[in-house]
Amino acid sequence: MAQIAPPSKVKRVTDNDRYVVPNTRTGGWDIVKAGHRRATGHAKTMKEAITHARRAVRKDGGGELRIVNRAGKLTESNTIAPPKRRAA
């Protein structure tokens, strides 16, 4: 029987997490929200896709940004902090 990690050790996917993945059909890079199939955005270059994904994660209150290379391997994972609140 396989051992399962205790709940505190398991990384939970939040609703704000985004993946930057290559689009093999049309070229370029897609931004996909965690748990969804359809892309929420598309960019010609990986750099543009990362910029757009960071902005989306920050706008939604922070989360993880994960970057997948053309071979399908996770190459980078960044925690994006929520935006700073302005003083009233």
PDB file of N, CA and C in Angstrom:
ATOM      1  N   MET A   1       0.839  -1.177   0.000  1.00  0.00           N
ATOM      2  CA  MET A   1       0.000   0.000   0.000  1.00  0.00           C
ATOM      3  C   MET A   1       0.892   1.252   0.000  1.00  0.00           C
ATOM      4  N   ALA A   2       0.580   2.193  -0.860  1.00  0.00           N
ATOM      5  CA  ALA A   2       1.388   3.404  -0.987  1.00  0.00           C
ATOM      6  C   ALA A   2       1.152   4.335   0.197  1.00  0.00           C
ATOM      7  N   GLN A   3       2.199   5.017   0.598  1.00  0.00           N
ATOM      8  CA  GLN A   3       2.075   5.980   1.691  1.00  0.00           C
ATOM      9  C   GLN A   3       1.651   7.323   1.127  1.00  0.00           C
ATOM     10  N   ILE A   4       0.732   7.954   1.808  1.00  0.00           N
ATOM     11  CA  ILE A   4       0.244   9.260   1.397  1.00  0.00           C
ATOM     12  C   ILE A   4       0.779  10.292   2.381  1.00  0.00           C
ATOM     13  N   ALA A   5       1.276  11.396   1.847  1.00  0.00           N
ATOM     14  CA  ALA A   5       1.822  12.456   2.698  1.00  0.00           C
ATOM     15  C   ALA A   5       0.713  13.073   3.537  1.00  0.00           C
ATOM     16  N   PRO A   6       1.031  13.494   4.756  1.00  0.00           N
ATOM     17  CA  PRO A   6       0.024  14.162   5.579  1.00  0.00           C
ATOM     18  C   PRO A   6      -0.469  15.425   4.886  1.00  0.00           C
ATOM     19  N   PRO A   7      -1.721  15.832   5.141  1.00  0.00           N
ATOM     20  CA  PRO A   7      -2.297  16.987   4.443  1.00  0.00           C
ATOM     21  C   PRO A   7      -1.451  18.250   4.501  1.00  0.00           C
ATOM     22  N   SER A   8      -0.728  18.488   5.594  1.00  0.00           N
ATOM     23  CA  SER A   8       0.075  19.707   5.707  1.00  0.00           C
ATOM     24  C   SER A   8       1.271  19.695   4.758  1.00  0.00           C
ATOM     25  N   LYS A   9       1.687  18.522   4.287  1.00  0.00           N
ATOM     26  CA  LYS A   9       2.847  18.410   3.410  1.00  0.00           C
ATOM     27  C   LYS A   9       2.479  18.445   1.935  1.00  0.00           C
ATOM     28  N   VAL A  10       1.200  18.340   1.619  1.00  0.00           N
ATOM     29  CA  VAL A  10       0.748  18.300   0.227  1.00  0.00           C
ATOM     30  C   VAL A  10       0.531  19.721  -0.275  1.00  0.00           C
ATOM     31  N   LYS A  11       1.140  20.042  -1.424  1.00  0.00           N
ATOM     32  CA  LYS A  11       0.961  21.366  -2.034  1.00  0.00           C
ATOM     33  C   LYS A  11      -0.395  21.412  -2.707  1.00  0.00           C
ATOM     34  N   ARG A  12      -1.218  22.326  -2.287  1.00  0.00           N
ATOM     35  CA  ARG A  12      -2.547  22.463  -2.874  1.00  0.00           C
ATOM     36  C   ARG A  12      -2.498  23.441  -4.032  1.00  0.00           C
ATOM     37  N   VAL A  13      -3.232  23.104  -5.070  1.00  0.00           N
ATOM     38  CA  VAL A  13      -3.345  23.996  -6.221  1.00  0.00           C
ATOM     39  C   VAL A  13      -4.426  25.009  -5.888  1.00  0.00           C
ATOM     40  N   THR A  14      -4.071  26.279  -5.949  1.00  0.00           N
ATOM     41  CA  THR A  14      -5.071  27.310  -5.689  1.00  0.00           C
ATOM     42  C   THR A  14      -5.741  27.702  -6.993  1.00  0.00           C
ATOM     43  N   ASP A  15      -6.848  28.380  -6.865  1.00  0.00           N
ATOM     44  CA  ASP A  15      -7.612  28.792  -8.036  1.00  0.00           C
ATOM     45  C   ASP A  15      -6.870  29.853  -8.836  1.00  0.00           C
ATOM     46  N   ASN A  16      -5.850  30.472  -8.251  1.00  0.00           N
ATOM     47  CA  ASN A  16      -5.129  31.547  -8.919  1.00  0.00           C
ATOM     48  C   ASN A  16      -3.879  31.078  -9.648  1.00  0.00           C
ATOM     49  N   ASP A  17      -3.535  29.816  -9.549  1.00  0.00           N
ATOM     50  CA  ASP A  17      -2.313  29.327 -10.187  1.00  0.00           C
ATOM     51  C   ASP A  17      -2.447  29.337 -11.705  1.00  0.00           C
ATOM     52  N   ARG A  18      -1.341  29.662 -12.382  1.00  0.00           N
ATOM     53  CA  ARG A  18      -1.320  29.676 -13.847  1.00  0.00           C
ATOM     54  C   ARG A  18      -0.126  28.876 -14.346  1.00  0.00           C
ATOM     55  N   TYR A  19      -0.291  28.286 -15.510  1.00  0.00           N
ATOM     56  CA  TYR A  19       0.778  27.558 -16.188  1.00  0.00           C
ATOM     57  C   TYR A  19       1.058  28.246 -17.516  1.00  0.00           C
ATOM     58  N   VAL A  20       2.330  28.399 -17.844  1.00  0.00           N
ATOM     59  CA  VAL A  20       2.742  28.877 -19.168  1.00  0.00           C
ATOM     60  C   VAL A  20       3.220  27.633 -19.902  1.00  0.00           C
ATOM     61  N   VAL A  21       2.501  27.267 -20.975  1.00  0.00           N
ATOM     62  CA  VAL A  21       2.779  26.033 -21.698  1.00  0.00           C
ATOM     63  C   VAL A  21       2.896  26.316 -23.191  1.00  0.00           C
ATOM     64  N   PRO A  22       3.715  25.541 -23.904  1.00  0.00           N
ATOM     65  CA  PRO A  22       3.820  25.739 -25.348  1.00  0.00           C
ATOM     66  C   PRO A  22       2.546  25.289 -26.042  1.00  0.00           C
ATOM     67  N   ASN A  23       2.173  26.004 -27.096  1.00  0.00           N
ATOM     68  CA  ASN A  23       1.021  25.629 -27.912  1.00  0.00           C
ATOM     69  C   ASN A  23       1.564  24.930 -29.152  1.00  0.00           C
ATOM     70  N   THR A  24       1.382  23.628 -29.227  1.00  0.00           N
ATOM     71  CA  THR A  24       1.962  22.856 -30.331  1.00  0.00           C
ATOM     72  C   THR A  24       1.165  22.981 -31.621  1.00  0.00           C
ATOM     73  N   ARG A  25      -0.095  23.365 -31.545  1.00  0.00           N
ATOM     74  CA  ARG A  25      -0.921  23.468 -32.758  1.00  0.00           C
ATOM     75  C   ARG A  25      -0.697  24.764 -33.525  1.00  0.00           C
ATOM     76  N   THR A  26      -0.692  25.879 -32.804  1.00  0.00           N
ATOM     77  CA  THR A  26      -0.589  27.165 -33.494  1.00  0.00           C
ATOM     78  C   THR A  26       0.740  27.865 -33.261  1.00  0.00           C
ATOM     79  N   GLY A  27       1.586  27.293 -32.409  1.00  0.00           N
ATOM     80  CA  GLY A  27       2.843  27.943 -32.070  1.00  0.00           C
ATOM     81  C   GLY A  27       2.637  28.946 -30.953  1.00  0.00           C
ATOM     82  N   GLY A  28       3.691  29.442 -30.417  1.00  0.00           N
ATOM     83  CA  GLY A  28       3.606  30.401 -29.329  1.00  0.00           C
ATOM     84  C   GLY A  28       3.391  29.712 -27.998  1.00  0.00           C
ATOM     85  N   TRP A  29       2.905  30.487 -27.029  1.00  0.00           N
ATOM     86  CA  TRP A  29       2.768  30.012 -25.648  1.00  0.00           C
ATOM     87  C   TRP A  29       1.398  30.370 -25.106  1.00  0.00           C
ATOM     88  N   ASP A  30       0.795  29.429 -24.384  1.00  0.00           N
ATOM     89  CA  ASP A  30      -0.518  29.636 -23.780  1.00  0.00           C
ATOM     90  C   ASP A  30      -0.389  29.838 -22.280  1.00  0.00           C
ATOM     91  N   ILE A  31      -1.341  30.575 -21.728  1.00  0.00           N
ATOM     92  CA  ILE A  31      -1.465  30.758 -20.291  1.00  0.00           C
ATOM     93  C   ILE A  31      -2.723  29.997 -19.898  1.00  0.00           C
ATOM     94  N   VAL A  32      -2.550  28.991 -19.028  1.00  0.00           N
ATOM     95  CA  VAL A  32      -3.666  28.131 -18.647  1.00  0.00           C
ATOM     96  C   VAL A  32      -3.852  28.211 -17.137  1.00  0.00           C
ATOM     97  N   LYS A  33      -5.081  28.465 -16.728  1.00  0.00           N
ATOM     98  CA  LYS A  33      -5.412  28.505 -15.306  1.00  0.00           C
ATOM     99  C   LYS A  33      -5.449  27.078 -14.775  1.00  0.00           C
ATOM    100  N   ALA A  34      -4.936  26.872 -13.573  1.00  0.00           N
ATOM    101  CA  ALA A  34      -4.884  25.538 -12.969  1.00  0.00           C
ATOM    102  C   ALA A  34      -6.281  24.928 -12.912  1.00  0.00           C
ATOM    103  N   GLY A  35      -6.381  23.663 -13.317  1.00  0.00           N
ATOM    104  CA  GLY A  35      -7.647  22.954 -13.289  1.00  0.00           C
ATOM    105  C   GLY A  35      -8.530  23.193 -14.495  1.00  0.00           C
ATOM    106  N   HIS A  36      -8.057  23.966 -15.459  1.00  0.00           N
ATOM    107  CA  HIS A  36      -8.844  24.271 -16.653  1.00  0.00           C
ATOM    108  C   HIS A  36      -8.150  23.710 -17.891  1.00  0.00           C
ATOM    109  N   ARG A  37      -8.910  23.486 -18.942  1.00  0.00           N
ATOM    110  CA  ARG A  37      -8.347  22.966 -20.191  1.00  0.00           C
ATOM    111  C   ARG A  37      -8.027  24.070 -21.189  1.00  0.00           C
ATOM    112  N   ARG A  38      -8.908  25.050 -21.282  1.00  0.00           N
ATOM    113  CA  ARG A  38      -8.730  26.110 -22.268  1.00  0.00           C
ATOM    114  C   ARG A  38      -7.746  27.162 -21.776  1.00  0.00           C
ATOM    115  N   ALA A  39      -7.041  27.731 -22.724  1.00  0.00           N
ATOM    116  CA  ALA A  39      -6.079  28.789 -22.389  1.00  0.00           C
ATOM    117  C   ALA A  39      -6.822  30.079 -22.065  1.00  0.00           C
ATOM    118  N   THR A  40      -6.312  30.795 -21.072  1.00  0.00           N
ATOM    119  CA  THR A  40      -6.888  32.096 -20.742  1.00  0.00           C
ATOM    120  C   THR A  40      -6.179  33.212 -21.503  1.00  0.00           C
ATOM    121  N   GLY A  41      -5.050  32.882 -22.130  1.00  0.00           N
ATOM    122  CA  GLY A  41      -4.307  33.865 -22.906  1.00  0.00           C
ATOM    123  C   GLY A  41      -3.306  33.182 -23.814  1.00  0.00           C
ATOM    124  N   HIS A  42      -2.808  33.906 -24.791  1.00  0.00           N
ATOM    125  CA  HIS A  42      -1.830  33.380 -25.736  1.00  0.00           C
ATOM    126  C   HIS A  42      -0.834  34.483 -26.063  1.00  0.00           C
ATOM    127  N   ALA A  43       0.427  34.104 -26.244  1.00  0.00           N
ATOM    128  CA  ALA A  43       1.472  35.062 -26.620  1.00  0.00           C
ATOM    129  C   ALA A  43       2.417  34.405 -27.612  1.00  0.00           C
ATOM    130  N   LYS A  44       3.072  35.231 -28.409  1.00  0.00           N
ATOM    131  CA  LYS A  44       4.015  34.700 -29.402  1.00  0.00           C
ATOM    132  C   LYS A  44       5.280  34.168 -28.752  1.00  0.00           C
ATOM    133  N   THR A  45       5.736  34.832 -27.683  1.00  0.00           N
ATOM    134  CA  THR A  45       6.986  34.412 -27.048  1.00  0.00           C
ATOM    135  C   THR A  45       6.727  33.985 -25.600  1.00  0.00           C
ATOM    136  N   MET A  46       7.650  33.187 -25.093  1.00  0.00           N
ATOM    137  CA  MET A  46       7.551  32.737 -23.708  1.00  0.00           C
ATOM    138  C   MET A  46       7.632  33.925 -22.750  1.00  0.00           C
ATOM    139  N   LYS A  47       8.491  34.865 -23.048  1.00  0.00           N
ATOM    140  CA  LYS A  47       8.670  36.038 -22.192  1.00  0.00           C
ATOM    141  C   LYS A  47       7.368  36.838 -22.072  1.00  0.00           C
ATOM    142  N   GLU A  48       6.673  37.043 -23.200  1.00  0.00           N
ATOM    143  CA  GLU A  48       5.398  37.760 -23.173  1.00  0.00           C
ATOM    144  C   GLU A  48       4.356  36.996 -22.357  1.00  0.00           C
ATOM    145  N   ALA A  49       4.320  35.675 -22.532  1.00  0.00           N
ATOM    146  CA  ALA A  49       3.356  34.846 -21.810  1.00  0.00           C
ATOM    147  C   ALA A  49       3.599  34.909 -20.305  1.00  0.00           C
ATOM    148  N   ILE A  50       4.858  34.888 -19.892  1.00  0.00           N
ATOM    149  CA  ILE A  50       5.194  34.968 -18.473  1.00  0.00           C
ATOM    150  C   ILE A  50       4.754  36.310 -17.897  1.00  0.00           C
ATOM    151  N   THR A  51       4.981  37.380 -18.636  1.00  0.00           N
ATOM    152  CA  THR A  51       4.578  38.713 -18.186  1.00  0.00           C
ATOM    153  C   THR A  51       3.065  38.782 -17.995  1.00  0.00           C
ATOM    154  N   HIS A  52       2.310  38.285 -18.970  1.00  0.00           N
ATOM    155  CA  HIS A  52       0.843  38.305 -18.882  1.00  0.00           C
ATOM    156  C   HIS A  52       0.349  37.416 -17.742  1.00  0.00           C
ATOM    157  N   ALA A  53       0.971  36.252 -17.572  1.00  0.00           N
ATOM    158  CA  ALA A  53       0.557  35.323 -16.512  1.00  0.00           C
ATOM    159  C   ALA A  53       0.828  35.918 -15.132  1.00  0.00           C
ATOM    160  N   ARG A  54       1.994  36.562 -14.950  1.00  0.00           N
ATOM    161  CA  ARG A  54       2.306  37.218 -13.676  1.00  0.00           C
ATOM    162  C   ARG A  54       1.248  38.264 -13.337  1.00  0.00           C
ATOM    163  N   ARG A  55       0.894  39.061 -14.320  1.00  0.00           N
ATOM    164  CA  ARG A  55      -0.102  40.115 -14.128  1.00  0.00           C
ATOM    165  C   ARG A  55      -1.447  39.511 -13.718  1.00  0.00           C
ATOM    166  N   ALA A  56      -1.842  38.420 -14.366  1.00  0.00           N
ATOM    167  CA  ALA A  56      -3.124  37.772 -14.063  1.00  0.00           C
ATOM    168  C   ALA A  56      -3.133  37.186 -12.655  1.00  0.00           C
ATOM    169  N   VAL A  57      -2.049  36.538 -12.259  1.00  0.00           N
ATOM    170  CA  VAL A  57      -1.966  35.943 -10.916  1.00  0.00           C
ATOM    171  C   VAL A  57      -1.996  37.034  -9.856  1.00  0.00           C
ATOM    172  N   ARG A  58      -1.239  38.088 -10.055  1.00  0.00           N
ATOM    173  CA  ARG A  58      -1.204  39.190  -9.087  1.00  0.00           C
ATOM    174  C   ARG A  58      -2.581  39.842  -8.972  1.00  0.00           C
ATOM    175  N   LYS A  59      -3.248  40.054 -10.106  1.00  0.00           N
ATOM    176  CA  LYS A  59      -4.572  40.678 -10.121  1.00  0.00           C
ATOM    177  C   LYS A  59      -5.595  39.824  -9.367  1.00  0.00           C
ATOM    178  N   ASP A  60      -5.460  38.498  -9.451  1.00  0.00           N
ATOM    179  CA  ASP A  60      -6.396  37.590  -8.789  1.00  0.00           C
ATOM    180  C   ASP A  60      -6.041  37.315  -7.334  1.00  0.00           C
ATOM    181  N   GLY A  61      -5.059  38.007  -6.781  1.00  0.00           N
ATOM    182  CA  GLY A  61      -4.763  37.875  -5.370  1.00  0.00           C
ATOM    183  C   GLY A  61      -3.550  37.042  -5.035  1.00  0.00           C
ATOM    184  N   GLY A  62      -2.690  36.787  -6.007  1.00  0.00           N
ATOM    185  CA  GLY A  62      -1.471  36.027  -5.749  1.00  0.00           C
ATOM    186  C   GLY A  62      -1.672  34.542  -5.965  1.00  0.00           C
ATOM    187  N   GLY A  63      -0.564  33.823  -6.127  1.00  0.00           N
ATOM    188  CA  GLY A  63      -0.617  32.384  -6.365  1.00  0.00           C
ATOM    189  C   GLY A  63       0.697  31.908  -6.950  1.00  0.00           C
ATOM    190  N   GLU A  64       0.658  30.782  -7.639  1.00  0.00           N
ATOM    191  CA  GLU A  64       1.853  30.195  -8.236  1.00  0.00           C
ATOM    192  C   GLU A  64       1.838  30.377  -9.749  1.00  0.00           C
ATOM    193  N   LEU A  65       3.014  30.618 -10.305  1.00  0.00           N
ATOM    194  CA  LEU A  65       3.209  30.660 -11.748  1.00  0.00           C
ATOM    195  C   LEU A  65       4.175  29.546 -12.096  1.00  0.00           C
ATOM    196  N   ARG A  66       3.726  28.603 -12.908  1.00  0.00           N
ATOM    197  CA  ARG A  66       4.555  27.453 -13.272  1.00  0.00           C
ATOM    198  C   ARG A  66       4.822  27.492 -14.767  1.00  0.00           C
ATOM    199  N   ILE A  67       6.085  27.273 -15.138  1.00  0.00           N
ATOM    200  CA  ILE A  67       6.497  27.351 -16.540  1.00  0.00           C
ATOM    201  C   ILE A  67       6.918  25.964 -16.999  1.00  0.00           C
ATOM    202  N   VAL A  68       6.327  25.528 -18.120  1.00  0.00           N
ATOM    203  CA  VAL A  68       6.587  24.213 -18.689  1.00  0.00           C
ATOM    204  C   VAL A  68       7.336  24.411 -19.998  1.00  0.00           C
ATOM    205  N   ASN A  69       8.431  23.652 -20.203  1.00  0.00           N
ATOM    206  CA  ASN A  69       9.209  23.811 -21.436  1.00  0.00           C
ATOM    207  C   ASN A  69       8.589  23.017 -22.587  1.00  0.00           C
ATOM    208  N   ARG A  70       9.186  23.099 -23.763  1.00  0.00           N
ATOM    209  CA  ARG A  70       8.639  22.428 -24.944  1.00  0.00           C
ATOM    210  C   ARG A  70       8.649  20.904 -24.823  1.00  0.00           C
ATOM    211  N   ALA A  71       9.482  20.362 -23.947  1.00  0.00           N
ATOM    212  CA  ALA A  71       9.535  18.916 -23.731  1.00  0.00           C
ATOM    213  C   ALA A  71       8.451  18.461 -22.745  1.00  0.00           C
ATOM    214  N   GLY A  72       7.701  19.400 -22.181  1.00  0.00           N
ATOM    215  CA  GLY A  72       6.638  19.067 -21.261  1.00  0.00           C
ATOM    216  C   GLY A  72       7.063  18.968 -19.812  1.00  0.00           C
ATOM    217  N   LYS A  73       8.279  19.394 -19.506  1.00  0.00           N
ATOM    218  CA  LYS A  73       8.792  19.329 -18.129  1.00  0.00           C
ATOM    219  C   LYS A  73       8.626  20.678 -17.442  1.00  0.00           C
ATOM    220  N   LEU A  74       8.267  20.624 -16.172  1.00  0.00           N
ATOM    221  CA  LEU A  74       8.164  21.831 -15.362  1.00  0.00           C
ATOM    222  C   LEU A  74       9.569  22.365 -15.126  1.00  0.00           C
ATOM    223  N   THR A  75       9.830  23.596 -15.570  1.00  0.00           N
ATOM    224  CA  THR A  75      11.171  24.140 -15.460  1.00  0.00           C
ATOM    225  C   THR A  75      11.300  25.193 -14.370  1.00  0.00           C
ATOM    226  N   GLU A  76      10.186  25.821 -14.017  1.00  0.00           N
ATOM    227  CA  GLU A  76      10.257  26.916 -13.056  1.00  0.00           C
ATOM    228  C   GLU A  76       8.912  27.064 -12.358  1.00  0.00           C
ATOM    229  N   SER A  77       8.957  27.454 -11.098  1.00  0.00           N
ATOM    230  CA  SER A  77       7.743  27.721 -10.337  1.00  0.00           C
ATOM    231  C   SER A  77       8.006  28.931  -9.463  1.00  0.00           C
ATOM    232  N   ASN A  78       7.173  29.946  -9.598  1.00  0.00           N
ATOM    233  CA  ASN A  78       7.360  31.186  -8.850  1.00  0.00           C
ATOM    234  C   ASN A  78       6.106  31.502  -8.051  1.00  0.00           C
ATOM    235  N   THR A  79       6.297  31.960  -6.822  1.00  0.00           N
ATOM    236  CA  THR A  79       5.183  32.424  -6.010  1.00  0.00           C
ATOM    237  C   THR A  79       5.017  33.911  -6.268  1.00  0.00           C
ATOM    238  N   ILE A  80       3.802  34.298  -6.642  1.00  0.00           N
ATOM    239  CA  ILE A  80       3.508  35.695  -6.927  1.00  0.00           C
ATOM    240  C   ILE A  80       2.677  36.234  -5.756  1.00  0.00           C
ATOM    241  N   ALA A  81       3.167  37.294  -5.149  1.00  0.00           N
ATOM    242  CA  ALA A  81       2.475  37.895  -4.003  1.00  0.00           C
ATOM    243  C   ALA A  81       1.259  38.680  -4.477  1.00  0.00           C
ATOM    244  N   PRO A  82       0.244  38.804  -3.633  1.00  0.00           N
ATOM    245  CA  PRO A  82      -0.894  39.634  -3.995  1.00  0.00           C
ATOM    246  C   PRO A  82      -0.475  41.096  -4.077  1.00  0.00           C
ATOM    247  N   PRO A  83      -1.239  41.916  -4.775  1.00  0.00           N
ATOM    248  CA  PRO A  83      -0.866  43.338  -4.881  1.00  0.00           C
ATOM    249  C   PRO A  83      -0.922  44.011  -3.516  1.00  0.00           C
ATOM    250  N   LYS A  84      -0.063  45.008  -3.349  1.00  0.00           N
ATOM    251  CA  LYS A  84      -0.060  45.756  -2.092  1.00  0.00           C
ATOM    252  C   LYS A  84      -1.258  46.674  -2.053  1.00  0.00           C
ATOM    253  N   ARG A  85      -1.869  46.731  -0.889  1.00  0.00           N
ATOM    254  CA  ARG A  85      -3.041  47.598  -0.736  1.00  0.00           C
ATOM    255  C   ARG A  85      -2.580  49.032  -0.478  1.00  0.00           C
ATOM    256  N   ARG A  86      -3.301  49.947  -1.054  1.00  0.00           N
ATOM    257  CA  ARG A  86      -2.978  51.362  -0.846  1.00  0.00           C
ATOM    258  C   ARG A  86      -3.587  51.846   0.454  1.00  0.00           C
ATOM    259  N   ALA A  87      -2.875  52.706   1.134  1.00  0.00           N
ATOM    260  CA  ALA A  87      -3.389  53.284   2.374  1.00  0.00           C
ATOM    261  C   ALA A  87      -4.499  54.256   2.043  1.00  0.00           C
ATOM    262  N   ALA A  88      -5.530  54.251   2.848  1.00  0.00           N
ATOM    263  CA  ALA A  88      -6.682  55.121   2.592  1.00  0.00           C
ATOM    264  C   ALA A  88      -6.422  56.546   2.992  1.00  0.00           C
TER     265      ALA A  88
END
